[in-house]
Amino acid sequence: MTTQEAATLPGYEEFAPWMLVEKRGNVHVVSINRPEAFNAVNEQVHHASATIWRRLTEDDDVRAVVLTGSGKAFSAGGDMVMFRRLIADPAARQYQINEARTVFLEVINFPKPLVSAVNGPAVGLGCSMALLSDFLVMGESSYLADPHVAVGLVAGDGGAAMLPLLIGLMKAKEYVLLGDRITPEIADKLNLVTRIAPDNEVLTEALALGERLAALPPQALRCTKVAMNMHLSRAALGVLEYALAEEYTSFSTPEFQERVAAFLSRSENKKS
């Protein structure tokens, strides 16, 4: 299915075709939907990622949510063509940075249970959203990665703010500063994953967790989740503000601009 052919649940048309919503049993499934680009985050996906959580919160029919990616990836991270546009347009860049703050806050403050079904690479913002979920199911060949620093960006939209709180400062530096991949086996050792499943059973496993969560008393579930997330949100917010401000500055550095240009040049050469 291409992005243009996608359909979504009535009431969620404004997020299509970039994010699709369907209901399976008692669980709402939200799919990042740029499969032809491995669900890389462009401006439209970024905006949908910032705004869909309020709509899901307001929908009384939503008892539990599974977040996944269409096709073979959860999300390949930031779209390099978008990065080129943001380098040239400081106003659009500032809007994107402000929206990145919104994504982080909306996901961490989302009061309903959220399960991420990581069906392939979960990179950059995709990695952050997966790790902010309540439960995380990883496919055997999937991985998490935060390559911000490696491409010349400050890790502003999640990694620097939350990963030290989840796995400790020393290990967080290894995976944020070096950008190394976190495989399912490593994620299990770091207590970052709920279940590891065969690649073709990731969504099934996530839906099973979603059904169990949807069956729980909603007020007790939601308020307990909010209380537990306060440990992370209250500690992360000051770091998030600093990191996002410095990420804005990173777009003006020659190191980042050279890496974006080199990536796009390689992509164009492959097409020709």
C-alpha atoms as a PDB file:
ATOM      1  CA  MET A   1       0.000   0.000   0.000  1.00  0.00           C
ATOM      2  CA  THR A   2       1.373   3.417  -0.915  1.00  0.00           C
ATOM      3  CA  THR A   3       0.860   6.504   1.184  1.00  0.00           C
ATOM      4  CA  GLN A   4      -1.617   7.891  -1.335  1.00  0.00           C
ATOM      5  CA  GLU A   5      -3.798   4.732  -1.265  1.00  0.00           C
ATOM      6  CA  ALA A   6      -4.184   4.657   2.517  1.00  0.00           C
ATOM      7  CA  ALA A   7      -7.477   4.773   4.394  1.00  0.00           C
ATOM      8  CA  THR A   8      -8.154   5.421   8.063  1.00  0.00           C
ATOM      9  CA  LEU A   9     -10.846   5.146  10.732  1.00  0.00           C
ATOM     10  CA  PRO A  10     -13.654   7.726  10.430  1.00  0.00           C
ATOM     11  CA  GLY A  11     -12.879  10.703  12.629  1.00  0.00           C
ATOM     12  CA  TYR A  12      -9.134  10.486  11.984  1.00  0.00           C
ATOM     13  CA  GLU A  13      -9.055  11.592   8.347  1.00  0.00           C
ATOM     14  CA  GLU A  14      -7.033  14.725   9.160  1.00  0.00           C
ATOM     15  CA  PHE A  15      -4.002  12.564  10.023  1.00  0.00           C
ATOM     16  CA  ALA A  16      -4.143  10.502   6.827  1.00  0.00           C
ATOM     17  CA  PRO A  17      -2.347   9.482   4.797  1.00  0.00           C
ATOM     18  CA  TRP A  18       0.666  10.062   7.042  1.00  0.00           C
ATOM     19  CA  MET A  19      -0.757   8.264  10.062  1.00  0.00           C
ATOM     20  CA  LEU A  20      -3.510   5.676   9.810  1.00  0.00           C
ATOM     21  CA  VAL A  21      -5.877   4.641  12.590  1.00  0.00           C
ATOM     22  CA  GLU A  22      -7.819   1.393  12.661  1.00  0.00           C
ATOM     23  CA  LYS A  23      -9.583  -0.547  15.380  1.00  0.00           C
ATOM     24  CA  ARG A  24      -8.789  -4.199  16.003  1.00  0.00           C
ATOM     25  CA  GLY A  25     -10.932  -5.688  18.716  1.00  0.00           C
ATOM     26  CA  ASN A  26     -10.771  -3.244  21.617  1.00  0.00           C
ATOM     27  CA  VAL A  27      -7.470  -1.717  20.539  1.00  0.00           C
ATOM     28  CA  HIS A  28      -6.806   1.259  18.264  1.00  0.00           C
ATOM     29  CA  VAL A  29      -3.782   0.742  16.005  1.00  0.00           C
ATOM     30  CA  VAL A  30      -1.902   3.853  14.832  1.00  0.00           C
ATOM     31  CA  SER A  31       0.469   3.244  11.911  1.00  0.00           C
ATOM     32  CA  ILE A  32       3.138   5.663  10.720  1.00  0.00           C
ATOM     33  CA  ASN A  33       2.519   5.514   6.984  1.00  0.00           C
ATOM     34  CA  ARG A  34       5.373   6.321   4.624  1.00  0.00           C
ATOM     35  CA  PRO A  35       6.327   2.726   3.801  1.00  0.00           C
ATOM     36  CA  GLU A  36       8.060   3.721   0.569  1.00  0.00           C
ATOM     37  CA  ALA A  37      10.481   5.815   2.709  1.00  0.00           C
ATOM     38  CA  PHE A  38      10.678   3.354   5.622  1.00  0.00           C
ATOM     39  CA  ASN A  39       8.398   5.749   7.513  1.00  0.00           C
ATOM     40  CA  ALA A  40      11.016   8.498   7.642  1.00  0.00           C
ATOM     41  CA  VAL A  41       9.679  11.575   9.404  1.00  0.00           C
ATOM     42  CA  ASN A  42       8.844  14.447   7.057  1.00  0.00           C
ATOM     43  CA  GLU A  43       6.935  17.580   8.042  1.00  0.00           C
ATOM     44  CA  GLN A  44       3.555  15.894   7.676  1.00  0.00           C
ATOM     45  CA  VAL A  45       4.473  12.832   9.761  1.00  0.00           C
ATOM     46  CA  HIS A  46       6.028  15.113  12.375  1.00  0.00           C
ATOM     47  CA  HIS A  47       2.864  17.214  12.607  1.00  0.00           C
ATOM     48  CA  ALA A  48       0.653  14.118  12.854  1.00  0.00           C
ATOM     49  CA  SER A  49       2.926  12.761  15.598  1.00  0.00           C
ATOM     50  CA  ALA A  50       2.394  15.985  17.547  1.00  0.00           C
ATOM     51  CA  THR A  51      -1.368  16.266  17.150  1.00  0.00           C
ATOM     52  CA  ILE A  52      -2.875  12.773  17.074  1.00  0.00           C
ATOM     53  CA  TRP A  53      -2.495  12.100  20.801  1.00  0.00           C
ATOM     54  CA  ARG A  54      -4.956  14.799  21.839  1.00  0.00           C
ATOM     55  CA  ARG A  55      -7.528  13.363  19.440  1.00  0.00           C
ATOM     56  CA  LEU A  56      -7.019   9.845  20.830  1.00  0.00           C
ATOM     57  CA  THR A  57      -7.328  11.190  24.379  1.00  0.00           C
ATOM     58  CA  GLU A  58     -10.634  12.862  23.575  1.00  0.00           C
ATOM     59  CA  ASP A  59     -12.072   9.770  21.854  1.00  0.00           C
ATOM     60  CA  ASP A  60     -14.000   7.864  24.530  1.00  0.00           C
ATOM     61  CA  ASP A  61     -13.949   4.743  22.352  1.00  0.00           C
ATOM     62  CA  VAL A  62     -10.156   4.489  22.706  1.00  0.00           C
ATOM     63  CA  ARG A  63      -9.201   2.162  25.562  1.00  0.00           C
ATOM     64  CA  ALA A  64      -5.672   1.211  24.443  1.00  0.00           C
ATOM     65  CA  VAL A  65      -3.367   2.169  21.549  1.00  0.00           C
ATOM     66  CA  VAL A  66      -0.756   0.226  19.606  1.00  0.00           C
ATOM     67  CA  LEU A  67       1.747   2.336  17.651  1.00  0.00           C
ATOM     68  CA  THR A  68       3.566   0.710  14.725  1.00  0.00           C
ATOM     69  CA  GLY A  69       4.911   1.375  11.235  1.00  0.00           C
ATOM     70  CA  SER A  70       3.524   0.420   7.845  1.00  0.00           C
ATOM     71  CA  GLY A  71       5.712  -1.922   5.831  1.00  0.00           C
ATOM     72  CA  LYS A  72       9.168  -3.005   6.969  1.00  0.00           C
ATOM     73  CA  ALA A  73      10.104  -0.244   9.426  1.00  0.00           C
ATOM     74  CA  PHE A  74       8.778   1.457  12.523  1.00  0.00           C
ATOM     75  CA  SER A  75      10.449   4.720  11.474  1.00  0.00           C
ATOM     76  CA  ALA A  76      13.791   5.376   9.799  1.00  0.00           C
ATOM     77  CA  GLY A  77      14.159   8.738  11.568  1.00  0.00           C
ATOM     78  CA  GLY A  78      14.305  12.228  10.130  1.00  0.00           C
ATOM     79  CA  ASP A  79      13.850  12.676   6.379  1.00  0.00           C
ATOM     80  CA  MET A  80      17.018  14.162   4.880  1.00  0.00           C
ATOM     81  CA  VAL A  81      15.101  16.150   2.266  1.00  0.00           C
ATOM     82  CA  MET A  82      13.167  17.739   5.119  1.00  0.00           C
ATOM     83  CA  PHE A  83      16.463  18.502   6.884  1.00  0.00           C
ATOM     84  CA  ARG A  84      17.682  20.324   3.772  1.00  0.00           C
ATOM     85  CA  ARG A  85      14.549  22.476   3.837  1.00  0.00           C
ATOM     86  CA  LEU A  86      14.992  23.209   7.552  1.00  0.00           C
ATOM     87  CA  ILE A  87      18.624  24.251   7.016  1.00  0.00           C
ATOM     88  CA  ALA A  88      17.448  26.855   4.502  1.00  0.00           C
ATOM     89  CA  ASP A  89      14.401  28.072   6.455  1.00  0.00           C
ATOM     90  CA  PRO A  90      15.049  29.118  10.090  1.00  0.00           C
ATOM     91  CA  ALA A  91      11.365  29.904  10.695  1.00  0.00           C
ATOM     92  CA  ALA A  92      10.282  26.416   9.603  1.00  0.00           C
ATOM     93  CA  ARG A  93      13.109  24.982  11.711  1.00  0.00           C
ATOM     94  CA  GLN A  94      11.889  26.807  14.809  1.00  0.00           C
ATOM     95  CA  TYR A  95       8.358  25.555  14.181  1.00  0.00           C
ATOM     96  CA  GLN A  96       9.726  22.015  13.925  1.00  0.00           C
ATOM     97  CA  ILE A  97      11.688  22.361  17.162  1.00  0.00           C
ATOM     98  CA  ASN A  98       8.599  23.655  18.957  1.00  0.00           C
ATOM     99  CA  GLU A  99       6.605  20.766  17.549  1.00  0.00           C
ATOM    100  CA  ALA A 100       9.286  18.286  18.693  1.00  0.00           C
ATOM    101  CA  ARG A 101       8.678  19.515  22.232  1.00  0.00           C
ATOM    102  CA  THR A 102       4.970  18.912  21.698  1.00  0.00           C
ATOM    103  CA  VAL A 103       5.549  15.345  20.459  1.00  0.00           C
ATOM    104  CA  PHE A 104       7.575  14.485  23.561  1.00  0.00           C
ATOM    105  CA  LEU A 105       5.073  16.033  25.956  1.00  0.00           C
ATOM    106  CA  GLU A 106       2.001  14.620  24.220  1.00  0.00           C
ATOM    107  CA  VAL A 107       3.365  11.070  24.203  1.00  0.00           C
ATOM    108  CA  ILE A 108       4.676  11.101  27.779  1.00  0.00           C
ATOM    109  CA  ASN A 109       1.441  12.703  29.051  1.00  0.00           C
ATOM    110  CA  PHE A 110      -0.895  10.525  26.956  1.00  0.00           C
ATOM    111  CA  PRO A 111      -3.171   9.102  29.691  1.00  0.00           C
ATOM    112  CA  LYS A 112      -4.243   5.915  27.941  1.00  0.00           C
ATOM    113  CA  PRO A 113      -2.101   2.781  27.662  1.00  0.00           C
ATOM    114  CA  LEU A 114       0.312   2.834  24.731  1.00  0.00           C
ATOM    115  CA  VAL A 115       2.093  -0.202  23.291  1.00  0.00           C
ATOM    116  CA  SER A 116       4.734   0.195  20.580  1.00  0.00           C
ATOM    117  CA  ALA A 117       5.090  -2.647  18.064  1.00  0.00           C
ATOM    118  CA  VAL A 118       8.587  -2.121  16.664  1.00  0.00           C
ATOM    119  CA  ASN A 119       8.495  -4.053  13.401  1.00  0.00           C
ATOM    120  CA  GLY A 120      11.835  -2.834  12.014  1.00  0.00           C
ATOM    121  CA  PRO A 121      14.248   0.072  12.530  1.00  0.00           C
ATOM    122  CA  ALA A 122      13.083   2.630  15.107  1.00  0.00           C
ATOM    123  CA  VAL A 123      15.449   5.550  14.626  1.00  0.00           C
ATOM    124  CA  GLY A 124      15.566   9.127  15.913  1.00  0.00           C
ATOM    125  CA  LEU A 125      12.083  10.369  16.726  1.00  0.00           C
ATOM    126  CA  GLY A 126      10.764   6.855  16.123  1.00  0.00           C
ATOM    127  CA  CYS A 127      13.134   5.557  18.792  1.00  0.00           C
ATOM    128  CA  SER A 128      11.999   8.261  21.214  1.00  0.00           C
ATOM    129  CA  MET A 129       8.301   7.536  20.724  1.00  0.00           C
ATOM    130  CA  ALA A 130       8.880   3.800  21.139  1.00  0.00           C
ATOM    131  CA  LEU A 131      10.793   4.310  24.389  1.00  0.00           C
ATOM    132  CA  LEU A 132       8.144   6.681  25.742  1.00  0.00           C
ATOM    133  CA  SER A 133       5.508   3.968  25.354  1.00  0.00           C
ATOM    134  CA  ASP A 134       4.208   1.972  28.312  1.00  0.00           C
ATOM    135  CA  PHE A 135       5.013  -1.379  26.709  1.00  0.00           C
ATOM    136  CA  LEU A 136       7.473  -2.147  23.927  1.00  0.00           C
ATOM    137  CA  VAL A 137       7.370  -5.200  21.666  1.00  0.00           C
ATOM    138  CA  MET A 138      10.387  -5.639  19.380  1.00  0.00           C
ATOM    139  CA  GLY A 139      10.719  -7.933  16.399  1.00  0.00           C
ATOM    140  CA  GLU A 140      13.760 -10.208  16.352  1.00  0.00           C
ATOM    141  CA  SER A 141      15.434  -8.258  13.515  1.00  0.00           C
ATOM    142  CA  SER A 142      14.355  -4.782  14.689  1.00  0.00           C
ATOM    143  CA  TYR A 143      16.511  -2.249  16.495  1.00  0.00           C
ATOM    144  CA  LEU A 144      16.425   1.120  18.243  1.00  0.00           C
ATOM    145  CA  ALA A 145      18.925   3.883  17.490  1.00  0.00           C
ATOM    146  CA  ASP A 146      19.464   7.582  18.169  1.00  0.00           C
ATOM    147  CA  PRO A 147      21.949   8.814  15.521  1.00  0.00           C
ATOM    148  CA  HIS A 148      21.521  12.548  16.184  1.00  0.00           C
ATOM    149  CA  VAL A 149      25.121  13.174  17.243  1.00  0.00           C
ATOM    150  CA  ALA A 150      26.547  10.996  14.451  1.00  0.00           C
ATOM    151  CA  VAL A 151      24.857  13.184  11.817  1.00  0.00           C
ATOM    152  CA  GLY A 152      25.806  16.438  13.562  1.00  0.00           C
ATOM    153  CA  LEU A 153      22.675  17.208  15.565  1.00  0.00           C
ATOM    154  CA  VAL A 154      22.198  17.655  19.287  1.00  0.00           C
ATOM    155  CA  ALA A 155      19.956  14.827  20.509  1.00  0.00           C
ATOM    156  CA  GLY A 156      17.118  17.192  21.245  1.00  0.00           C
ATOM    157  CA  ASP A 157      13.865  15.288  20.798  1.00  0.00           C
ATOM    158  CA  GLY A 158      14.196  12.658  23.491  1.00  0.00           C
ATOM    159  CA  GLY A 159      17.422  10.677  23.728  1.00  0.00           C
ATOM    160  CA  ALA A 160      19.447  13.020  25.900  1.00  0.00           C
ATOM    161  CA  ALA A 161      16.416  13.836  28.043  1.00  0.00           C
ATOM    162  CA  MET A 162      15.082  10.378  28.826  1.00  0.00           C
ATOM    163  CA  LEU A 163      17.586   7.619  28.124  1.00  0.00           C
ATOM    164  CA  PRO A 164      19.817   8.396  31.149  1.00  0.00           C
ATOM    165  CA  LEU A 165      16.712   8.047  33.326  1.00  0.00           C
ATOM    166  CA  LEU A 166      15.815   4.699  31.769  1.00  0.00           C
ATOM    167  CA  ILE A 167      19.203   2.937  31.661  1.00  0.00           C
ATOM    168  CA  GLY A 168      21.659   5.074  33.638  1.00  0.00           C
ATOM    169  CA  LEU A 169      24.011   7.818  32.527  1.00  0.00           C
ATOM    170  CA  MET A 170      27.010   5.713  31.483  1.00  0.00           C
ATOM    171  CA  LYS A 171      25.067   3.362  29.217  1.00  0.00           C
ATOM    172  CA  ALA A 172      22.979   6.233  27.857  1.00  0.00           C
ATOM    173  CA  LYS A 173      26.141   8.026  26.734  1.00  0.00           C
ATOM    174  CA  GLU A 174      27.190   4.922  24.826  1.00  0.00           C
ATOM    175  CA  TYR A 175      23.978   4.785  22.828  1.00  0.00           C
ATOM    176  CA  VAL A 176      23.297   8.523  22.445  1.00  0.00           C
ATOM    177  CA  LEU A 177      26.827   9.820  21.794  1.00  0.00           C
ATOM    178  CA  LEU A 178      27.971   6.901  19.629  1.00  0.00           C
ATOM    179  CA  GLY A 179      24.552   6.206  18.110  1.00  0.00           C
ATOM    180  CA  ASP A 180      25.013   2.435  18.315  1.00  0.00           C
ATOM    181  CA  ARG A 181      22.052   0.213  17.572  1.00  0.00           C
ATOM    182  CA  ILE A 182      20.110  -1.300  20.454  1.00  0.00           C
ATOM    183  CA  THR A 183      19.136  -4.776  19.298  1.00  0.00           C
ATOM    184  CA  PRO A 184      16.328  -6.697  21.001  1.00  0.00           C
ATOM    185  CA  GLU A 185      18.893  -8.689  22.995  1.00  0.00           C
ATOM    186  CA  ILE A 186      20.617  -5.519  24.220  1.00  0.00           C
ATOM    187  CA  ALA A 187      17.256  -3.871  24.924  1.00  0.00           C
ATOM    188  CA  ASP A 188      16.319  -6.843  27.080  1.00  0.00           C
ATOM    189  CA  LYS A 189      19.538  -6.530  29.102  1.00  0.00           C
ATOM    190  CA  LEU A 190      18.899  -2.801  29.538  1.00  0.00           C
ATOM    191  CA  ASN A 191      15.270  -3.369  30.629  1.00  0.00           C
ATOM    192  CA  LEU A 192      13.975  -1.381  27.657  1.00  0.00           C
ATOM    193  CA  VAL A 193      11.713  -4.008  26.086  1.00  0.00           C
ATOM    194  CA  THR A 194       8.570  -5.801  27.279  1.00  0.00           C
ATOM    195  CA  ARG A 195       8.470  -8.643  24.739  1.00  0.00           C
ATOM    196  CA  ILE A 196      10.648  -9.901  21.887  1.00  0.00           C
ATOM    197  CA  ALA A 197       8.661 -11.631  19.143  1.00  0.00           C
ATOM    198  CA  PRO A 198       9.293 -13.189  15.731  1.00  0.00           C
ATOM    199  CA  ASP A 199       9.091 -10.459  13.098  1.00  0.00           C
ATOM    200  CA  ASN A 200       5.762 -11.713  11.746  1.00  0.00           C
ATOM    201  CA  GLU A 201       4.191 -11.810  15.231  1.00  0.00           C
ATOM    202  CA  VAL A 202       5.139  -8.362  16.555  1.00  0.00           C
ATOM    203  CA  LEU A 203       1.755  -6.753  15.972  1.00  0.00           C
ATOM    204  CA  THR A 204      -0.091  -9.837  17.253  1.00  0.00           C
ATOM    205  CA  GLU A 205       1.898  -9.733  20.501  1.00  0.00           C
ATOM    206  CA  ALA A 206       1.330  -5.996  20.869  1.00  0.00           C
ATOM    207  CA  LEU A 207      -2.404  -6.385  20.263  1.00  0.00           C
ATOM    208  CA  ALA A 208      -2.589  -9.080  22.940  1.00  0.00           C
ATOM    209  CA  LEU A 209      -1.023  -6.673  25.434  1.00  0.00           C
ATOM    210  CA  GLY A 210      -3.375  -3.943  24.238  1.00  0.00           C
ATOM    211  CA  GLU A 211      -6.399  -6.160  24.824  1.00  0.00           C
ATOM    212  CA  ARG A 212      -5.283  -6.927  28.374  1.00  0.00           C
ATOM    213  CA  LEU A 213      -4.819  -3.223  29.056  1.00  0.00           C
ATOM    214  CA  ALA A 214      -8.161  -2.294  27.462  1.00  0.00           C
ATOM    215  CA  ALA A 215      -9.914  -4.725  29.817  1.00  0.00           C
ATOM    216  CA  LEU A 216      -8.568  -3.070  32.984  1.00  0.00           C
ATOM    217  CA  PRO A 217     -10.601  -0.494  34.984  1.00  0.00           C
ATOM    218  CA  PRO A 218      -9.861   2.692  33.016  1.00  0.00           C
ATOM    219  CA  GLN A 219      -9.628   5.259  35.823  1.00  0.00           C
ATOM    220  CA  ALA A 220      -7.299   3.121  37.914  1.00  0.00           C
ATOM    221  CA  LEU A 221      -5.167   2.282  34.881  1.00  0.00           C
ATOM    222  CA  ARG A 222      -4.860   5.800  33.517  1.00  0.00           C
ATOM    223  CA  CYS A 223      -4.161   7.566  36.788  1.00  0.00           C
ATOM    224  CA  THR A 224      -1.591   4.975  37.815  1.00  0.00           C
ATOM    225  CA  LYS A 225       0.142   5.386  34.454  1.00  0.00           C
ATOM    226  CA  VAL A 226       0.171   9.185  34.830  1.00  0.00           C
ATOM    227  CA  ALA A 227       1.606   8.867  38.332  1.00  0.00           C
ATOM    228  CA  MET A 228       4.381   6.538  37.160  1.00  0.00           C
ATOM    229  CA  ASN A 229       5.281   8.730  34.170  1.00  0.00           C
ATOM    230  CA  MET A 230       5.774  11.690  36.502  1.00  0.00           C
ATOM    231  CA  HIS A 231       9.095  10.115  37.511  1.00  0.00           C
ATOM    232  CA  LEU A 232      10.276  10.582  33.927  1.00  0.00           C
ATOM    233  CA  SER A 233       8.484  13.750  32.856  1.00  0.00           C
ATOM    234  CA  ARG A 234       9.479  15.900  35.831  1.00  0.00           C
ATOM    235  CA  ALA A 235      13.126  14.899  35.542  1.00  0.00           C
ATOM    236  CA  ALA A 236      13.318  15.220  31.746  1.00  0.00           C
ATOM    237  CA  LEU A 237      11.697  18.585  30.991  1.00  0.00           C
ATOM    238  CA  GLY A 238      14.585  20.896  31.855  1.00  0.00           C
ATOM    239  CA  VAL A 239      16.996  18.766  29.836  1.00  0.00           C
ATOM    240  CA  LEU A 240      14.542  18.697  26.927  1.00  0.00           C
ATOM    241  CA  GLU A 241      14.346  22.507  26.751  1.00  0.00           C
ATOM    242  CA  TYR A 242      18.140  22.884  26.653  1.00  0.00           C
ATOM    243  CA  ALA A 243      18.654  20.061  24.150  1.00  0.00           C
ATOM    244  CA  LEU A 244      15.989  21.333  21.743  1.00  0.00           C
ATOM    245  CA  ALA A 245      17.401  24.863  21.798  1.00  0.00           C
ATOM    246  CA  GLU A 246      20.847  23.508  20.941  1.00  0.00           C
ATOM    247  CA  GLU A 247      19.416  21.207  18.255  1.00  0.00           C
ATOM    248  CA  TYR A 248      18.079  24.322  16.524  1.00  0.00           C
ATOM    249  CA  THR A 249      21.635  25.690  16.476  1.00  0.00           C
ATOM    250  CA  SER A 250      23.006  22.398  15.108  1.00  0.00           C
ATOM    251  CA  PHE A 251      21.265  22.986  11.780  1.00  0.00           C
ATOM    252  CA  SER A 252      23.620  25.919  11.146  1.00  0.00           C
ATOM    253  CA  THR A 253      26.823  23.968  11.726  1.00  0.00           C
ATOM    254  CA  PRO A 254      28.960  22.948   8.738  1.00  0.00           C
ATOM    255  CA  GLU A 255      29.242  19.380  10.072  1.00  0.00           C
ATOM    256  CA  PHE A 256      25.502  18.756   9.886  1.00  0.00           C
ATOM    257  CA  GLN A 257      25.085  20.524   6.554  1.00  0.00           C
ATOM    258  CA  GLU A 258      27.917  18.496   5.022  1.00  0.00           C
ATOM    259  CA  ARG A 259      26.419  15.221   6.216  1.00  0.00           C
ATOM    260  CA  VAL A 260      22.984  16.061   4.824  1.00  0.00           C
ATOM    261  CA  ALA A 261      24.481  17.088   1.478  1.00  0.00           C
ATOM    262  CA  ALA A 262      26.583  13.898   1.306  1.00  0.00           C
ATOM    263  CA  PHE A 263      23.588  11.675   2.103  1.00  0.00           C
ATOM    264  CA  LEU A 264      21.395  13.338  -0.518  1.00  0.00           C
ATOM    265  CA  SER A 265      24.182  13.151  -3.090  1.00  0.00           C
ATOM    266  CA  ARG A 266      24.548   9.408  -2.527  1.00  0.00           C
ATOM    267  CA  SER A 267      20.798   8.960  -2.826  1.00  0.00           C
ATOM    268  CA  GLU A 268      20.652  10.880  -6.097  1.00  0.00           C
ATOM    269  CA  ASN A 269      23.575   8.896  -7.504  1.00  0.00           C
ATOM    270  CA  LYS A 270      21.806   5.621  -6.707  1.00  0.00           C
ATOM    271  CA  LYS A 271      18.729   6.791  -8.612  1.00  0.00           C
ATOM    272  CA  SER A 272      20.690   7.863 -11.708  1.00  0.00           C
END
